[in-house]
PDB file of N, CA and C in Angstrom:
ATOM      1  N   UNK A   1     274.016   9.454 142.800  1.00  0.00           N
ATOM      2  CA  UNK A   1     274.658   9.961 141.604  1.00  0.00           C
ATOM      3  C   UNK A   1     274.366   9.063 140.392  1.00  0.00           C
ATOM      4  N   UNK A   2     274.315   7.732 140.611  1.00  0.00           N
ATOM      5  CA  UNK A   2     274.110   6.834 139.470  1.00  0.00           C
ATOM      6  C   UNK A   2     272.669   6.868 138.968  1.00  0.00           C
ATOM      7  N   UNK A   3     271.733   7.125 139.859  1.00  0.00           N
ATOM      8  CA  UNK A   3     270.348   7.281 139.416  1.00  0.00           C
ATOM      9  C   UNK A   3     270.227   8.487 138.493  1.00  0.00           C
ATOM     10  N   UNK A   4     270.894   9.592 138.845  1.00  0.00           N
ATOM     11  CA  UNK A   4     270.880  10.785 138.006  1.00  0.00           C
ATOM     12  C   UNK A   4     271.571  10.510 136.663  1.00  0.00           C
ATOM     13  N   UNK A   5     272.617   9.706 136.698  1.00  0.00           N
ATOM     14  CA  UNK A   5     273.313   9.320 135.469  1.00  0.00           C
ATOM     15  C   UNK A   5     272.355   8.586 134.520  1.00  0.00           C
ATOM     16  N   UNK A   6     271.611   7.643 135.062  1.00  0.00           N
ATOM     17  CA  UNK A   6     270.656   6.891 134.241  1.00  0.00           C
ATOM     18  C   UNK A   6     269.561   7.816 133.717  1.00  0.00           C
ATOM     19  N   UNK A   7     269.056   8.718 134.562  1.00  0.00           N
ATOM     20  CA  UNK A   7     268.043   9.675 134.096  1.00  0.00           C
ATOM     21  C   UNK A   7     268.583  10.556 132.977  1.00  0.00           C
ATOM     22  N   UNK A   8     269.793  11.073 133.138  1.00  0.00           N
ATOM     23  CA  UNK A   8     270.412  11.887 132.094  1.00  0.00           C
ATOM     24  C   UNK A   8     270.584  11.100 130.810  1.00  0.00           C
ATOM     25  N   UNK A   9     270.961   9.839 130.951  1.00  0.00           N
ATOM     26  CA  UNK A   9     271.120   8.969 129.782  1.00  0.00           C
ATOM     27  C   UNK A   9     269.779   8.774 129.071  1.00  0.00           C
ATOM     28  N   UNK A  10     268.745   8.472 129.827  1.00  0.00           N
ATOM     29  CA  UNK A  10     267.429   8.248 129.221  1.00  0.00           C
ATOM     30  C   UNK A  10     266.912   9.496 128.517  1.00  0.00           C
ATOM     31  N   UNK A  11     267.056  10.648 129.163  1.00  0.00           N
ATOM     32  CA  UNK A  11     266.637  11.900 128.529  1.00  0.00           C
ATOM     33  C   UNK A  11     267.450  12.162 127.268  1.00  0.00           C
ATOM     34  N   UNK A  12     268.761  12.051 127.376  1.00  0.00           N
ATOM     35  CA  UNK A  12     269.630  12.388 126.257  1.00  0.00           C
ATOM     36  C   UNK A  12     269.526  11.434 125.085  1.00  0.00           C
ATOM     37  N   UNK A  13     269.361  10.150 125.374  1.00  0.00           N
ATOM     38  CA  UNK A  13     269.364   9.163 124.285  1.00  0.00           C
ATOM     39  C   UNK A  13     267.978   8.868 123.734  1.00  0.00           C
ATOM     40  N   UNK A  14     266.931   9.221 124.473  1.00  0.00           N
ATOM     41  CA  UNK A  14     265.585   8.905 123.996  1.00  0.00           C
ATOM     42  C   UNK A  14     264.673  10.123 123.883  1.00  0.00           C
ATOM     43  N   UNK A  15     264.580  10.903 124.941  1.00  0.00           N
ATOM     44  CA  UNK A  15     263.626  12.022 124.921  1.00  0.00           C
ATOM     45  C   UNK A  15     264.121  13.225 124.131  1.00  0.00           C
ATOM     46  N   UNK A  16     265.428  13.410 124.017  1.00  0.00           N
ATOM     47  CA  UNK A  16     265.972  14.547 123.272  1.00  0.00           C
ATOM     48  C   UNK A  16     266.469  14.174 121.870  1.00  0.00           C
ATOM     49  N   UNK A  17     266.390  12.905 121.537  1.00  0.00           N
ATOM     50  CA  UNK A  17     266.859  12.460 120.221  1.00  0.00           C
ATOM     51  C   UNK A  17     265.668  12.324 119.278  1.00  0.00           C
ATOM     52  N   UNK A  18     265.652  13.149 118.262  1.00  0.00           N
ATOM     53  CA  UNK A  18     264.549  13.102 117.306  1.00  0.00           C
ATOM     54  C   UNK A  18     264.695  11.886 116.387  1.00  0.00           C
ATOM     55  N   UNK A  19     263.618  11.568 115.698  1.00  0.00           N
ATOM     56  CA  UNK A  19     263.658  10.474 114.718  1.00  0.00           C
ATOM     57  C   UNK A  19     264.698  10.778 113.640  1.00  0.00           C
ATOM     58  N   UNK A  20     264.768  12.042 113.223  1.00  0.00           N
ATOM     59  CA  UNK A  20     265.743  12.474 112.221  1.00  0.00           C
ATOM     60  C   UNK A  20     267.167  12.183 112.692  1.00  0.00           C
ATOM     61  N   UNK A  21     267.474  12.498 113.951  1.00  0.00           N
ATOM     62  CA  UNK A  21     268.811  12.205 114.492  1.00  0.00           C
ATOM     63  C   UNK A  21     269.056  10.697 114.512  1.00  0.00           C
ATOM     64  N   UNK A  22     268.083   9.954 115.023  1.00  0.00           N
ATOM     65  CA  UNK A  22     268.244   8.505 115.160  1.00  0.00           C
ATOM     66  C   UNK A  22     268.493   7.835 113.813  1.00  0.00           C
ATOM     67  N   UNK A  23     267.801   8.303 112.782  1.00  0.00           N
ATOM     68  CA  UNK A  23     267.934   7.677 111.466  1.00  0.00           C
ATOM     69  C   UNK A  23     269.177   8.116 110.699  1.00  0.00           C
ATOM     70  N   UNK A  24     269.753   9.251 111.064  1.00  0.00           N
ATOM     71  CA  UNK A  24     270.862   9.792 110.281  1.00  0.00           C
ATOM     72  C   UNK A  24     272.207   9.849 110.999  1.00  0.00           C
ATOM     73  N   UNK A  25     272.246   9.553 112.284  1.00  0.00           N
ATOM     74  CA  UNK A  25     273.496   9.709 113.036  1.00  0.00           C
ATOM     75  C   UNK A  25     274.583   8.719 112.638  1.00  0.00           C
ATOM     76  N   UNK A  26     274.224   7.627 111.992  1.00  0.00           N
ATOM     77  CA  UNK A  26     275.265   6.681 111.561  1.00  0.00           C
ATOM     78  C   UNK A  26     275.783   7.001 110.165  1.00  0.00           C
ATOM     79  N   UNK A  27     275.147   7.943 109.480  1.00  0.00           N
ATOM     80  CA  UNK A  27     275.562   8.307 108.122  1.00  0.00           C
ATOM     81  C   UNK A  27     276.160   9.704 108.027  1.00  0.00           C
ATOM     82  N   UNK A  28     275.976  10.511 109.051  1.00  0.00           N
ATOM     83  CA  UNK A  28     276.405  11.902 109.001  1.00  0.00           C
ATOM     84  C   UNK A  28     277.038  12.272 110.345  1.00  0.00           C
ATOM     85  N   UNK A  29     278.328  12.505 110.338  1.00  0.00           N
ATOM     86  CA  UNK A  29     279.036  12.755 111.596  1.00  0.00           C
ATOM     87  C   UNK A  29     278.550  14.034 112.274  1.00  0.00           C
ATOM     88  N   UNK A  30     278.085  15.020 111.502  1.00  0.00           N
ATOM     89  CA  UNK A  30     277.604  16.263 112.104  1.00  0.00           C
ATOM     90  C   UNK A  30     276.323  16.024 112.909  1.00  0.00           C
ATOM     91  N   UNK A  31     275.451  15.186 112.373  1.00  0.00           N
ATOM     92  CA  UNK A  31     274.219  14.856 113.085  1.00  0.00           C
ATOM     93  C   UNK A  31     274.541  14.047 114.341  1.00  0.00           C
ATOM     94  N   UNK A  32     275.480  13.120 114.217  1.00  0.00           N
ATOM     95  CA  UNK A  32     275.890  12.332 115.377  1.00  0.00           C
ATOM     96  C   UNK A  32     276.542  13.225 116.435  1.00  0.00           C
ATOM     97  N   UNK A  33     277.332  14.183 116.004  1.00  0.00           N
ATOM     98  CA  UNK A  33     277.956  15.112 116.943  1.00  0.00           C
ATOM     99  C   UNK A  33     276.899  15.972 117.645  1.00  0.00           C
ATOM    100  N   UNK A  34     275.905  16.445 116.898  1.00  0.00           N
ATOM    101  CA  UNK A  34     274.815  17.210 117.507  1.00  0.00           C
ATOM    102  C   UNK A  34     274.105  16.370 118.561  1.00  0.00           C
ATOM    103  N   UNK A  35     273.771  15.136 118.208  1.00  0.00           N
ATOM    104  CA  UNK A  35     273.120  14.240 119.171  1.00  0.00           C
ATOM    105  C   UNK A  35     274.025  14.010 120.383  1.00  0.00           C
ATOM    106  N   UNK A  36     275.306  13.771 120.150  1.00  0.00           N
ATOM    107  CA  UNK A  36     276.248  13.509 121.246  1.00  0.00           C
ATOM    108  C   UNK A  36     276.371  14.707 122.174  1.00  0.00           C
ATOM    109  N   UNK A  37     276.330  15.901 121.621  1.00  0.00           N
ATOM    110  CA  UNK A  37     276.405  17.112 122.450  1.00  0.00           C
ATOM    111  C   UNK A  37     275.135  17.299 123.275  1.00  0.00           C
ATOM    112  N   UNK A  38     273.971  17.093 122.666  1.00  0.00           N
ATOM    113  CA  UNK A  38     272.712  17.189 123.420  1.00  0.00           C
ATOM    114  C   UNK A  38     272.662  16.126 124.514  1.00  0.00           C
ATOM    115  N   UNK A  39     273.087  14.945 124.171  1.00  0.00           N
ATOM    116  CA  UNK A  39     273.142  13.844 125.120  1.00  0.00           C
ATOM    117  C   UNK A  39     274.053  14.214 126.304  1.00  0.00           C
ATOM    118  N   UNK A  40     275.239  14.707 125.995  1.00  0.00           N
ATOM    119  CA  UNK A  40     276.213  15.055 127.034  1.00  0.00           C
ATOM    120  C   UNK A  40     275.708  16.194 127.910  1.00  0.00           C
ATOM    121  N   UNK A  41     275.038  17.153 127.311  1.00  0.00           N
ATOM    122  CA  UNK A  41     274.445  18.247 128.078  1.00  0.00           C
ATOM    123  C   UNK A  41     273.401  17.703 129.044  1.00  0.00           C
ATOM    124  N   UNK A  42     272.606  16.753 128.589  1.00  0.00           N
ATOM    125  CA  UNK A  42     271.609  16.132 129.454  1.00  0.00           C
ATOM    126  C   UNK A  42     272.276  15.436 130.643  1.00  0.00           C
ATOM    127  N   UNK A  43     273.352  14.732 130.389  1.00  0.00           N
ATOM    128  CA  UNK A  43     274.085  14.065 131.473  1.00  0.00           C
ATOM    129  C   UNK A  43     274.592  15.103 132.469  1.00  0.00           C
ATOM    130  N   UNK A  44     275.186  16.162 131.955  1.00  0.00           N
ATOM    131  CA  UNK A  44     275.723  17.220 132.832  1.00  0.00           C
ATOM    132  C   UNK A  44     274.626  17.866 133.672  1.00  0.00           C
ATOM    133  N   UNK A  45     273.470  18.102 133.071  1.00  0.00           N
ATOM    134  CA  UNK A  45     272.362  18.734 133.805  1.00  0.00           C
ATOM    135  C   UNK A  45     271.886  17.817 134.928  1.00  0.00           C
ATOM    136  N   UNK A  46     271.674  16.544 134.633  1.00  0.00           N
ATOM    137  CA  UNK A  46     271.163  15.635 135.663  1.00  0.00           C
ATOM    138  C   UNK A  46     272.191  15.342 136.747  1.00  0.00           C
ATOM    139  N   UNK A  47     273.462  15.356 136.404  1.00  0.00           N
ATOM    140  CA  UNK A  47     274.501  15.134 137.417  1.00  0.00           C
ATOM    141  C   UNK A  47     274.929  16.432 138.088  1.00  0.00           C
ATOM    142  N   UNK A  48     274.493  17.559 137.500  1.00  0.00           N
ATOM    143  CA  UNK A  48     274.870  18.879 137.989  1.00  0.00           C
ATOM    144  C   UNK A  48     276.387  19.033 137.973  1.00  0.00           C
ATOM    145  N   UNK A  49     276.993  18.558 136.870  1.00  0.00           N
ATOM    146  CA  UNK A  49     278.439  18.661 136.666  1.00  0.00           C
ATOM    147  C   UNK A  49     278.673  19.381 135.350  1.00  0.00           C
ATOM    148  N   UNK A  50     279.214  20.582 135.425  1.00  0.00           N
ATOM    149  CA  UNK A  50     279.400  21.387 134.218  1.00  0.00           C
ATOM    150  C   UNK A  50     280.869  21.592 133.885  1.00  0.00           C
ATOM    151  N   UNK A  51     281.653  20.586 134.140  1.00  0.00           N
ATOM    152  CA  UNK A  51     283.064  20.622 133.800  1.00  0.00           C
ATOM    153  C   UNK A  51     283.225  20.435 132.293  1.00  0.00           C
ATOM    154  N   UNK A  52     283.980  21.334 131.627  1.00  0.00           N
ATOM    155  CA  UNK A  52     284.215  21.146 130.185  1.00  0.00           C
ATOM    156  C   UNK A  52     284.875  19.799 129.870  1.00  0.00           C
ATOM    157  N   UNK A  53     285.770  19.343 130.740  1.00  0.00           N
ATOM    158  CA  UNK A  53     286.437  18.060 130.520  1.00  0.00           C
ATOM    159  C   UNK A  53     285.431  16.911 130.606  1.00  0.00           C
ATOM    160  N   UNK A  54     284.571  16.953 131.590  1.00  0.00           N
ATOM    161  CA  UNK A  54     283.552  15.909 131.739  1.00  0.00           C
ATOM    162  C   UNK A  54     282.639  15.884 130.515  1.00  0.00           C
ATOM    163  N   UNK A  55     282.165  17.060 130.093  1.00  0.00           N
ATOM    164  CA  UNK A  55     281.312  17.168 128.910  1.00  0.00           C
ATOM    165  C   UNK A  55     282.015  16.571 127.694  1.00  0.00           C
ATOM    166  N   UNK A  56     283.264  16.940 127.481  1.00  0.00           N
ATOM    167  CA  UNK A  56     284.026  16.453 126.331  1.00  0.00           C
ATOM    168  C   UNK A  56     284.215  14.937 126.384  1.00  0.00           C
ATOM    169  N   UNK A  57     284.498  14.401 127.561  1.00  0.00           N
ATOM    170  CA  UNK A  57     284.670  12.951 127.686  1.00  0.00           C
ATOM    171  C   UNK A  57     283.384  12.200 127.358  1.00  0.00           C
ATOM    172  N   UNK A  58     282.247  12.757 127.771  1.00  0.00           N
ATOM    173  CA  UNK A  58     280.975  12.110 127.453  1.00  0.00           C
ATOM    174  C   UNK A  58     280.732  12.159 125.941  1.00  0.00           C
ATOM    175  N   UNK A  59     280.982  13.323 125.325  1.00  0.00           N
ATOM    176  CA  UNK A  59     280.823  13.428 123.866  1.00  0.00           C
ATOM    177  C   UNK A  59     281.736  12.419 123.169  1.00  0.00           C
ATOM    178  N   UNK A  60     282.995  12.370 123.586  1.00  0.00           N
ATOM    179  CA  UNK A  60     283.984  11.516 122.910  1.00  0.00           C
ATOM    180  C   UNK A  60     283.734  10.025 123.109  1.00  0.00           C
ATOM    181  N   UNK A  61     283.003   9.659 124.157  1.00  0.00           N
ATOM    182  CA  UNK A  61     282.674   8.243 124.334  1.00  0.00           C
ATOM    183  C   UNK A  61     281.322   7.902 123.709  1.00  0.00           C
ATOM    184  N   UNK A  62     280.417   8.867 123.654  1.00  0.00           N
ATOM    185  CA  UNK A  62     279.096   8.604 123.077  1.00  0.00           C
ATOM    186  C   UNK A  62     279.155   8.550 121.547  1.00  0.00           C
ATOM    187  N   UNK A  63     279.883   9.469 120.960  1.00  0.00           N
ATOM    188  CA  UNK A  63     279.935   9.597 119.500  1.00  0.00           C
ATOM    189  C   UNK A  63     280.306   8.290 118.792  1.00  0.00           C
ATOM    190  N   UNK A  64     281.424   7.649 119.125  1.00  0.00           N
ATOM    191  CA  UNK A  64     281.796   6.445 118.356  1.00  0.00           C
ATOM    192  C   UNK A  64     280.814   5.293 118.534  1.00  0.00           C
ATOM    193  N   UNK A  65     280.236   5.163 119.724  1.00  0.00           N
ATOM    194  CA  UNK A  65     279.275   4.081 119.949  1.00  0.00           C
ATOM    195  C   UNK A  65     278.089   4.230 119.004  1.00  0.00           C
ATOM    196  N   UNK A  66     277.626   5.464 118.839  1.00  0.00           N
ATOM    197  CA  UNK A  66     276.470   5.689 117.967  1.00  0.00           C
ATOM    198  C   UNK A  66     276.853   5.748 116.485  1.00  0.00           C
ATOM    199  N   UNK A  67     277.902   6.465 116.161  1.00  0.00           N
ATOM    200  CA  UNK A  67     278.262   6.661 114.757  1.00  0.00           C
ATOM    201  C   UNK A  67     278.626   5.340 114.078  1.00  0.00           C
ATOM    202  N   UNK A  68     279.359   4.496 114.777  1.00  0.00           N
ATOM    203  CA  UNK A  68     279.787   3.222 114.197  1.00  0.00           C
ATOM    204  C   UNK A  68     278.947   2.046 114.677  1.00  0.00           C
ATOM    205  N   UNK A  69     277.825   2.301 115.322  1.00  0.00           N
ATOM    206  CA  UNK A  69     276.923   1.241 115.805  1.00  0.00           C
ATOM    207  C   UNK A  69     277.711   0.131 116.507  1.00  0.00           C
ATOM    208  N   UNK A  70     278.466   0.531 117.515  1.00  0.00           N
ATOM    209  CA  UNK A  70     279.333  -0.412 118.226  1.00  0.00           C
ATOM    210  C   UNK A  70     278.536  -1.561 118.845  1.00  0.00           C
ATOM    211  N   UNK A  71     277.314  -1.273 119.295  1.00  0.00           N
ATOM    212  CA  UNK A  71     276.489  -2.344 119.855  1.00  0.00           C
ATOM    213  C   UNK A  71     276.245  -3.450 118.849  1.00  0.00           C
ATOM    214  N   UNK A  72     275.939  -3.087 117.602  1.00  0.00           N
ATOM    215  CA  UNK A  72     275.712  -4.094 116.573  1.00  0.00           C
ATOM    216  C   UNK A  72     277.003  -4.832 116.227  1.00  0.00           C
ATOM    217  N   UNK A  73     278.112  -4.105 116.206  1.00  0.00           N
ATOM    218  CA  UNK A  73     279.406  -4.752 115.930  1.00  0.00           C
ATOM    219  C   UNK A  73     279.733  -5.777 117.018  1.00  0.00           C
ATOM    220  N   UNK A  74     279.420  -5.430 118.271  1.00  0.00           N
ATOM    221  CA  UNK A  74     279.642  -6.364 119.381  1.00  0.00           C
ATOM    222  C   UNK A  74     278.783  -7.616 119.192  1.00  0.00           C
ATOM    223  N   UNK A  75     277.508  -7.413 118.861  1.00  0.00           N
ATOM    224  CA  UNK A  75     276.621  -8.559 118.645  1.00  0.00           C
ATOM    225  C   UNK A  75     277.097  -9.416 117.480  1.00  0.00           C
ATOM    226  N   UNK A  76     277.653  -8.797 116.451  1.00  0.00           N
ATOM    227  CA  UNK A  76     278.212  -9.565 115.329  1.00  0.00           C
ATOM    228  C   UNK A  76     279.392 -10.409 115.794  1.00  0.00           C
ATOM    229  N   UNK A  77     280.262  -9.827 116.634  1.00  0.00           N
ATOM    230  CA  UNK A  77     281.446 -10.543 117.129  1.00  0.00           C
ATOM    231  C   UNK A  77     281.042 -11.760 117.952  1.00  0.00           C
ATOM    232  N   UNK A  78     280.044 -11.588 118.830  1.00  0.00           N
ATOM    233  CA  UNK A  78     279.660 -12.699 119.713  1.00  0.00           C
ATOM    234  C   UNK A  78     278.558 -13.571 119.095  1.00  0.00           C
ATOM    235  N   UNK A  79     278.211 -13.276 117.841  1.00  0.00           N
ATOM    236  CA  UNK A  79     277.149 -14.003 117.146  1.00  0.00           C
ATOM    237  C   UNK A  79     275.828 -13.897 117.913  1.00  0.00           C
ATOM    238  N   UNK A  80     275.556 -12.676 118.361  1.00  0.00           N
ATOM    239  CA  UNK A  80     274.309 -12.400 119.069  1.00  0.00           C
ATOM    240  C   UNK A  80     273.178 -12.129 118.097  1.00  0.00           C
ATOM    241  N   UNK A  81     272.074 -11.759 118.624  1.00  0.00           N
ATOM    242  CA  UNK A  81     270.893 -11.492 117.797  1.00  0.00           C
ATOM    243  C   UNK A  81     271.135 -10.286 116.899  1.00  0.00           C
ATOM    244  N   UNK A  82     270.687 -10.388 115.662  1.00  0.00           N
ATOM    245  CA  UNK A  82     270.878  -9.334 114.678  1.00  0.00           C
ATOM    246  C   UNK A  82     269.527  -9.069 114.009  1.00  0.00           C
ATOM    247  N   UNK A  83     268.986  -7.862 114.217  1.00  0.00           N
ATOM    248  CA  UNK A  83     267.648  -7.587 113.685  1.00  0.00           C
ATOM    249  C   UNK A  83     267.612  -7.574 112.163  1.00  0.00           C
ATOM    250  N   UNK A  84     268.732  -7.288 111.501  1.00  0.00           N
ATOM    251  CA  UNK A  84     268.760  -7.325 110.028  1.00  0.00           C
ATOM    252  C   UNK A  84     268.621  -8.771 109.552  1.00  0.00           C
ATOM    253  N   UNK A  85     269.349  -9.679 110.184  1.00  0.00           N
ATOM    254  CA  UNK A  85     269.240 -11.092 109.820  1.00  0.00           C
ATOM    255  C   UNK A  85     267.861 -11.645 110.159  1.00  0.00           C
ATOM    256  N   UNK A  86     267.329 -11.224 111.299  1.00  0.00           N
ATOM    257  CA  UNK A  86     265.988 -11.684 111.682  1.00  0.00           C
ATOM    258  C   UNK A  86     264.946 -11.203 110.678  1.00  0.00           C
ATOM    259  N   UNK A  87     265.152 -10.026 110.102  1.00  0.00           N
ATOM    260  CA  UNK A  87     264.223  -9.489 109.115  1.00  0.00           C
ATOM    261  C   UNK A  87     264.261 -10.308 107.820  1.00  0.00           C
ATOM    262  N   UNK A  88     265.435 -10.812 107.476  1.00  0.00           N
ATOM    263  CA  UNK A  88     265.579 -11.645 106.262  1.00  0.00           C
ATOM    264  C   UNK A  88     265.008 -13.047 106.465  1.00  0.00           C
ATOM    265  N   UNK A  89     264.939 -13.456 107.703  1.00  0.00           N
ATOM    266  CA  UNK A  89     264.509 -14.795 108.058  1.00  0.00           C
ATOM    267  C   UNK A  89     262.981 -14.902 107.943  1.00  0.00           C
ATOM    268  N   UNK A  90     262.495 -15.941 107.331  1.00  0.00           N
ATOM    269  CA  UNK A  90     261.048 -16.113 107.164  1.00  0.00           C
ATOM    270  C   UNK A  90     260.491 -17.223 108.044  1.00  0.00           C
ATOM    271  N   UNK A  91     261.130 -17.472 109.171  1.00  0.00           N
ATOM    272  CA  UNK A  91     260.634 -18.484 110.091  1.00  0.00           C
ATOM    273  C   UNK A  91     259.403 -17.970 110.836  1.00  0.00           C
ATOM    274  N   UNK A  92     258.786 -18.874 111.549  1.00  0.00           N
ATOM    275  CA  UNK A  92     257.608 -18.502 112.345  1.00  0.00           C
ATOM    276  C   UNK A  92     257.982 -17.446 113.381  1.00  0.00           C
ATOM    277  N   UNK A  93     257.025 -16.622 113.704  1.00  0.00           N
ATOM    278  CA  UNK A  93     257.177 -15.584 114.716  1.00  0.00           C
ATOM    279  C   UNK A  93     258.245 -14.560 114.345  1.00  0.00           C
ATOM    280  N   UNK A  94     258.370 -14.267 113.061  1.00  0.00           N
ATOM    281  CA  UNK A  94     259.379 -13.324 112.568  1.00  0.00           C
ATOM    282  C   UNK A  94     259.301 -11.987 113.311  1.00  0.00           C
ATOM    283  N   UNK A  95     258.111 -11.443 113.490  1.00  0.00           N
ATOM    284  CA  UNK A  95     257.954 -10.136 114.137  1.00  0.00           C
ATOM    285  C   UNK A  95     258.456 -10.157 115.580  1.00  0.00           C
ATOM    286  N   UNK A  96     258.197 -11.255 116.281  1.00  0.00           N
ATOM    287  CA  UNK A  96     258.663 -11.377 117.667  1.00  0.00           C
ATOM    288  C   UNK A  96     260.181 -11.483 117.686  1.00  0.00           C
ATOM    289  N   UNK A  97     260.757 -12.227 116.763  1.00  0.00           N
ATOM    290  CA  UNK A  97     262.214 -12.389 116.698  1.00  0.00           C
ATOM    291  C   UNK A  97     262.892 -11.051 116.388  1.00  0.00           C
ATOM    292  N   UNK A  98     262.310 -10.274 115.469  1.00  0.00           N
ATOM    293  CA  UNK A  98     262.856  -8.949 115.146  1.00  0.00           C
ATOM    294  C   UNK A  98     262.756  -8.041 116.369  1.00  0.00           C
ATOM    295  N   UNK A  99     261.602  -8.036 117.002  1.00  0.00           N
ATOM    296  CA  UNK A  99     261.399  -7.175 118.184  1.00  0.00           C
ATOM    297  C   UNK A  99     262.388  -7.516 119.289  1.00  0.00           C
ATOM    298  N   UNK A 100     262.583  -8.811 119.535  1.00  0.00           N
ATOM    299  CA  UNK A 100     263.519  -9.200 120.585  1.00  0.00           C
ATOM    300  C   UNK A 100     264.948  -8.816 120.218  1.00  0.00           C
ATOM    301  N   UNK A 101     265.311  -8.960 118.950  1.00  0.00           N
ATOM    302  CA  UNK A 101     266.661  -8.572 118.510  1.00  0.00           C
ATOM    303  C   UNK A 101     266.884  -7.072 118.713  1.00  0.00           C
ATOM    304  N   UNK A 102     265.864  -6.266 118.475  1.00  0.00           N
ATOM    305  CA  UNK A 102     265.981  -4.817 118.684  1.00  0.00           C
ATOM    306  C   UNK A 102     266.139  -4.505 120.169  1.00  0.00           C
ATOM    307  N   UNK A 103     265.401  -5.223 121.010  1.00  0.00           N
ATOM    308  CA  UNK A 103     265.551  -5.024 122.467  1.00  0.00           C
ATOM    309  C   UNK A 103     266.964  -5.389 122.900  1.00  0.00           C
ATOM    310  N   UNK A 104     267.483  -6.506 122.402  1.00  0.00           N
ATOM    311  CA  UNK A 104     268.849  -6.925 122.760  1.00  0.00           C
ATOM    312  C   UNK A 104     269.855  -5.866 122.320  1.00  0.00           C
ATOM    313  N   UNK A 105     269.714  -5.356 121.090  1.00  0.00           N
ATOM    314  CA  UNK A 105     270.615  -4.310 120.614  1.00  0.00           C
ATOM    315  C   UNK A 105     270.549  -3.083 121.525  1.00  0.00           C
ATOM    316  N   UNK A 106     269.345  -2.685 121.894  1.00  0.00           N
ATOM    317  CA  UNK A 106     269.169  -1.507 122.748  1.00  0.00           C
ATOM    318  C   UNK A 106     269.841  -1.706 124.100  1.00  0.00           C
ATOM    319  N   UNK A 107     269.708  -2.882 124.671  1.00  0.00           N
ATOM    320  CA  UNK A 107     270.342  -3.162 125.966  1.00  0.00           C
ATOM    321  C   UNK A 107     271.861  -3.132 125.833  1.00  0.00           C
ATOM    322  N   UNK A 108     272.398  -3.710 124.759  1.00  0.00           N
ATOM    323  CA  UNK A 108     273.848  -3.694 124.540  1.00  0.00           C
ATOM    324  C   UNK A 108     274.342  -2.253 124.388  1.00  0.00           C
ATOM    325  N   UNK A 109     273.665  -1.452 123.574  1.00  0.00           N
ATOM    326  CA  UNK A 109     274.033  -0.050 123.359  1.00  0.00           C
ATOM    327  C   UNK A 109     274.002   0.723 124.683  1.00  0.00           C
ATOM    328  N   UNK A 110     272.930   0.557 125.450  1.00  0.00           N
ATOM    329  CA  UNK A 110     272.823   1.242 126.742  1.00  0.00           C
ATOM    330  C   UNK A 110     273.907   0.790 127.712  1.00  0.00           C
ATOM    331  N   UNK A 111     274.221  -0.485 127.687  1.00  0.00           N
ATOM    332  CA  UNK A 111     275.263  -1.007 128.576  1.00  0.00           C
ATOM    333  C   UNK A 111     276.615  -0.374 128.268  1.00  0.00           C
ATOM    334  N   UNK A 112     276.941  -0.240 126.985  1.00  0.00           N
ATOM    335  CA  UNK A 112     278.193   0.427 126.617  1.00  0.00           C
ATOM    336  C   UNK A 112     278.210   1.880 127.105  1.00  0.00           C
ATOM    337  N   UNK A 113     277.139   2.619 126.839  1.00  0.00           N
ATOM    338  CA  UNK A 113     277.086   4.025 127.253  1.00  0.00           C
ATOM    339  C   UNK A 113     277.203   4.171 128.767  1.00  0.00           C
ATOM    340  N   UNK A 114     276.409   3.414 129.505  1.00  0.00           N
ATOM    341  CA  UNK A 114     276.395   3.543 130.968  1.00  0.00           C
ATOM    342  C   UNK A 114     277.713   3.074 131.586  1.00  0.00           C
ATOM    343  N   UNK A 115     278.300   2.027 131.033  1.00  0.00           N
ATOM    344  CA  UNK A 115     279.583   1.542 131.561  1.00  0.00           C
ATOM    345  C   UNK A 115     280.677   2.592 131.384  1.00  0.00           C
ATOM    346  N   UNK A 116     280.753   3.188 130.202  1.00  0.00           N
ATOM    347  CA  UNK A 116     281.780   4.207 129.967  1.00  0.00           C
ATOM    348  C   UNK A 116     281.571   5.426 130.855  1.00  0.00           C
ATOM    349  N   UNK A 117     280.321   5.849 131.029  1.00  0.00           N
ATOM    350  CA  UNK A 117     280.086   7.006 131.907  1.00  0.00           C
ATOM    351  C   UNK A 117     280.408   6.667 133.348  1.00  0.00           C
ATOM    352  N   UNK A 118     280.107   5.453 133.776  1.00  0.00           N
ATOM    353  CA  UNK A 118     280.457   5.028 135.122  1.00  0.00           C
ATOM    354  C   UNK A 118     281.986   5.069 135.308  1.00  0.00           C
ATOM    355  N   UNK A 119     282.727   4.579 134.309  1.00  0.00           N
ATOM    356  CA  UNK A 119     284.191   4.617 134.385  1.00  0.00           C
ATOM    357  C   UNK A 119     284.710   6.058 134.454  1.00  0.00           C
ATOM    358  N   UNK A 120     284.107   6.936 133.684  1.00  0.00           N
ATOM    359  CA  UNK A 120     284.515   8.348 133.717  1.00  0.00           C
ATOM    360  C   UNK A 120     284.254   8.929 135.096  1.00  0.00           C
ATOM    361  N   UNK A 121     283.057   8.712 135.632  1.00  0.00           N
ATOM    362  CA  UNK A 121     282.708   9.249 136.949  1.00  0.00           C
ATOM    363  C   UNK A 121     283.604   8.694 138.051  1.00  0.00           C
ATOM    364  N   UNK A 122     283.918   7.421 137.962  1.00  0.00           N
ATOM    365  CA  UNK A 122     284.746   6.791 138.988  1.00  0.00           C
ATOM    366  C   UNK A 122     286.198   7.263 138.963  1.00  0.00           C
ATOM    367  N   UNK A 123     286.638   7.738 137.808  1.00  0.00           N
ATOM    368  CA  UNK A 123     288.053   8.103 137.663  1.00  0.00           C
ATOM    369  C   UNK A 123     288.310   9.601 137.533  1.00  0.00           C
ATOM    370  N   UNK A 124     287.270  10.397 137.651  1.00  0.00           N
ATOM    371  CA  UNK A 124     287.448  11.850 137.601  1.00  0.00           C
ATOM    372  C   UNK A 124     287.164  12.438 138.962  1.00  0.00           C
ATOM    373  N   UNK A 125     287.913  13.423 139.315  1.00  0.00           N
ATOM    374  CA  UNK A 125     287.660  14.152 140.549  1.00  0.00           C
ATOM    375  C   UNK A 125     286.869  15.398 140.242  1.00  0.00           C
ATOM    376  N   UNK A 126     285.549  15.230 140.145  1.00  0.00           N
ATOM    377  CA  UNK A 126     284.685  16.373 139.824  1.00  0.00           C
ATOM    378  C   UNK A 126     283.988  16.853 141.064  1.00  0.00           C
TER     379      UNK A 126
END
């Protein structure tokens, strides 16, 4: 079941998310909601769970993480890598530092999404 969860997550967050969605979901709640619904549908398809409650819970947990960039807020709290600060920095290997900061952000974002879905799956009788 967890392998299917990860596949649904990868499809929903990367393969079904257009550049337009990715660039605008933090500025426009309608675009973020569209992305969250497509994402949630992908999760439901890969898990073969079509419960309206499950779908809604995935939307309601995915939306705030993306709309408010919770991963970046977490990194700010723990003083983690920040790709905006790395971009302002003119030290050696700037491009590598920016790239690594983006990877760290992506891992944090994915960890939040997967953890919340795992909690939902563990606590729902579907």
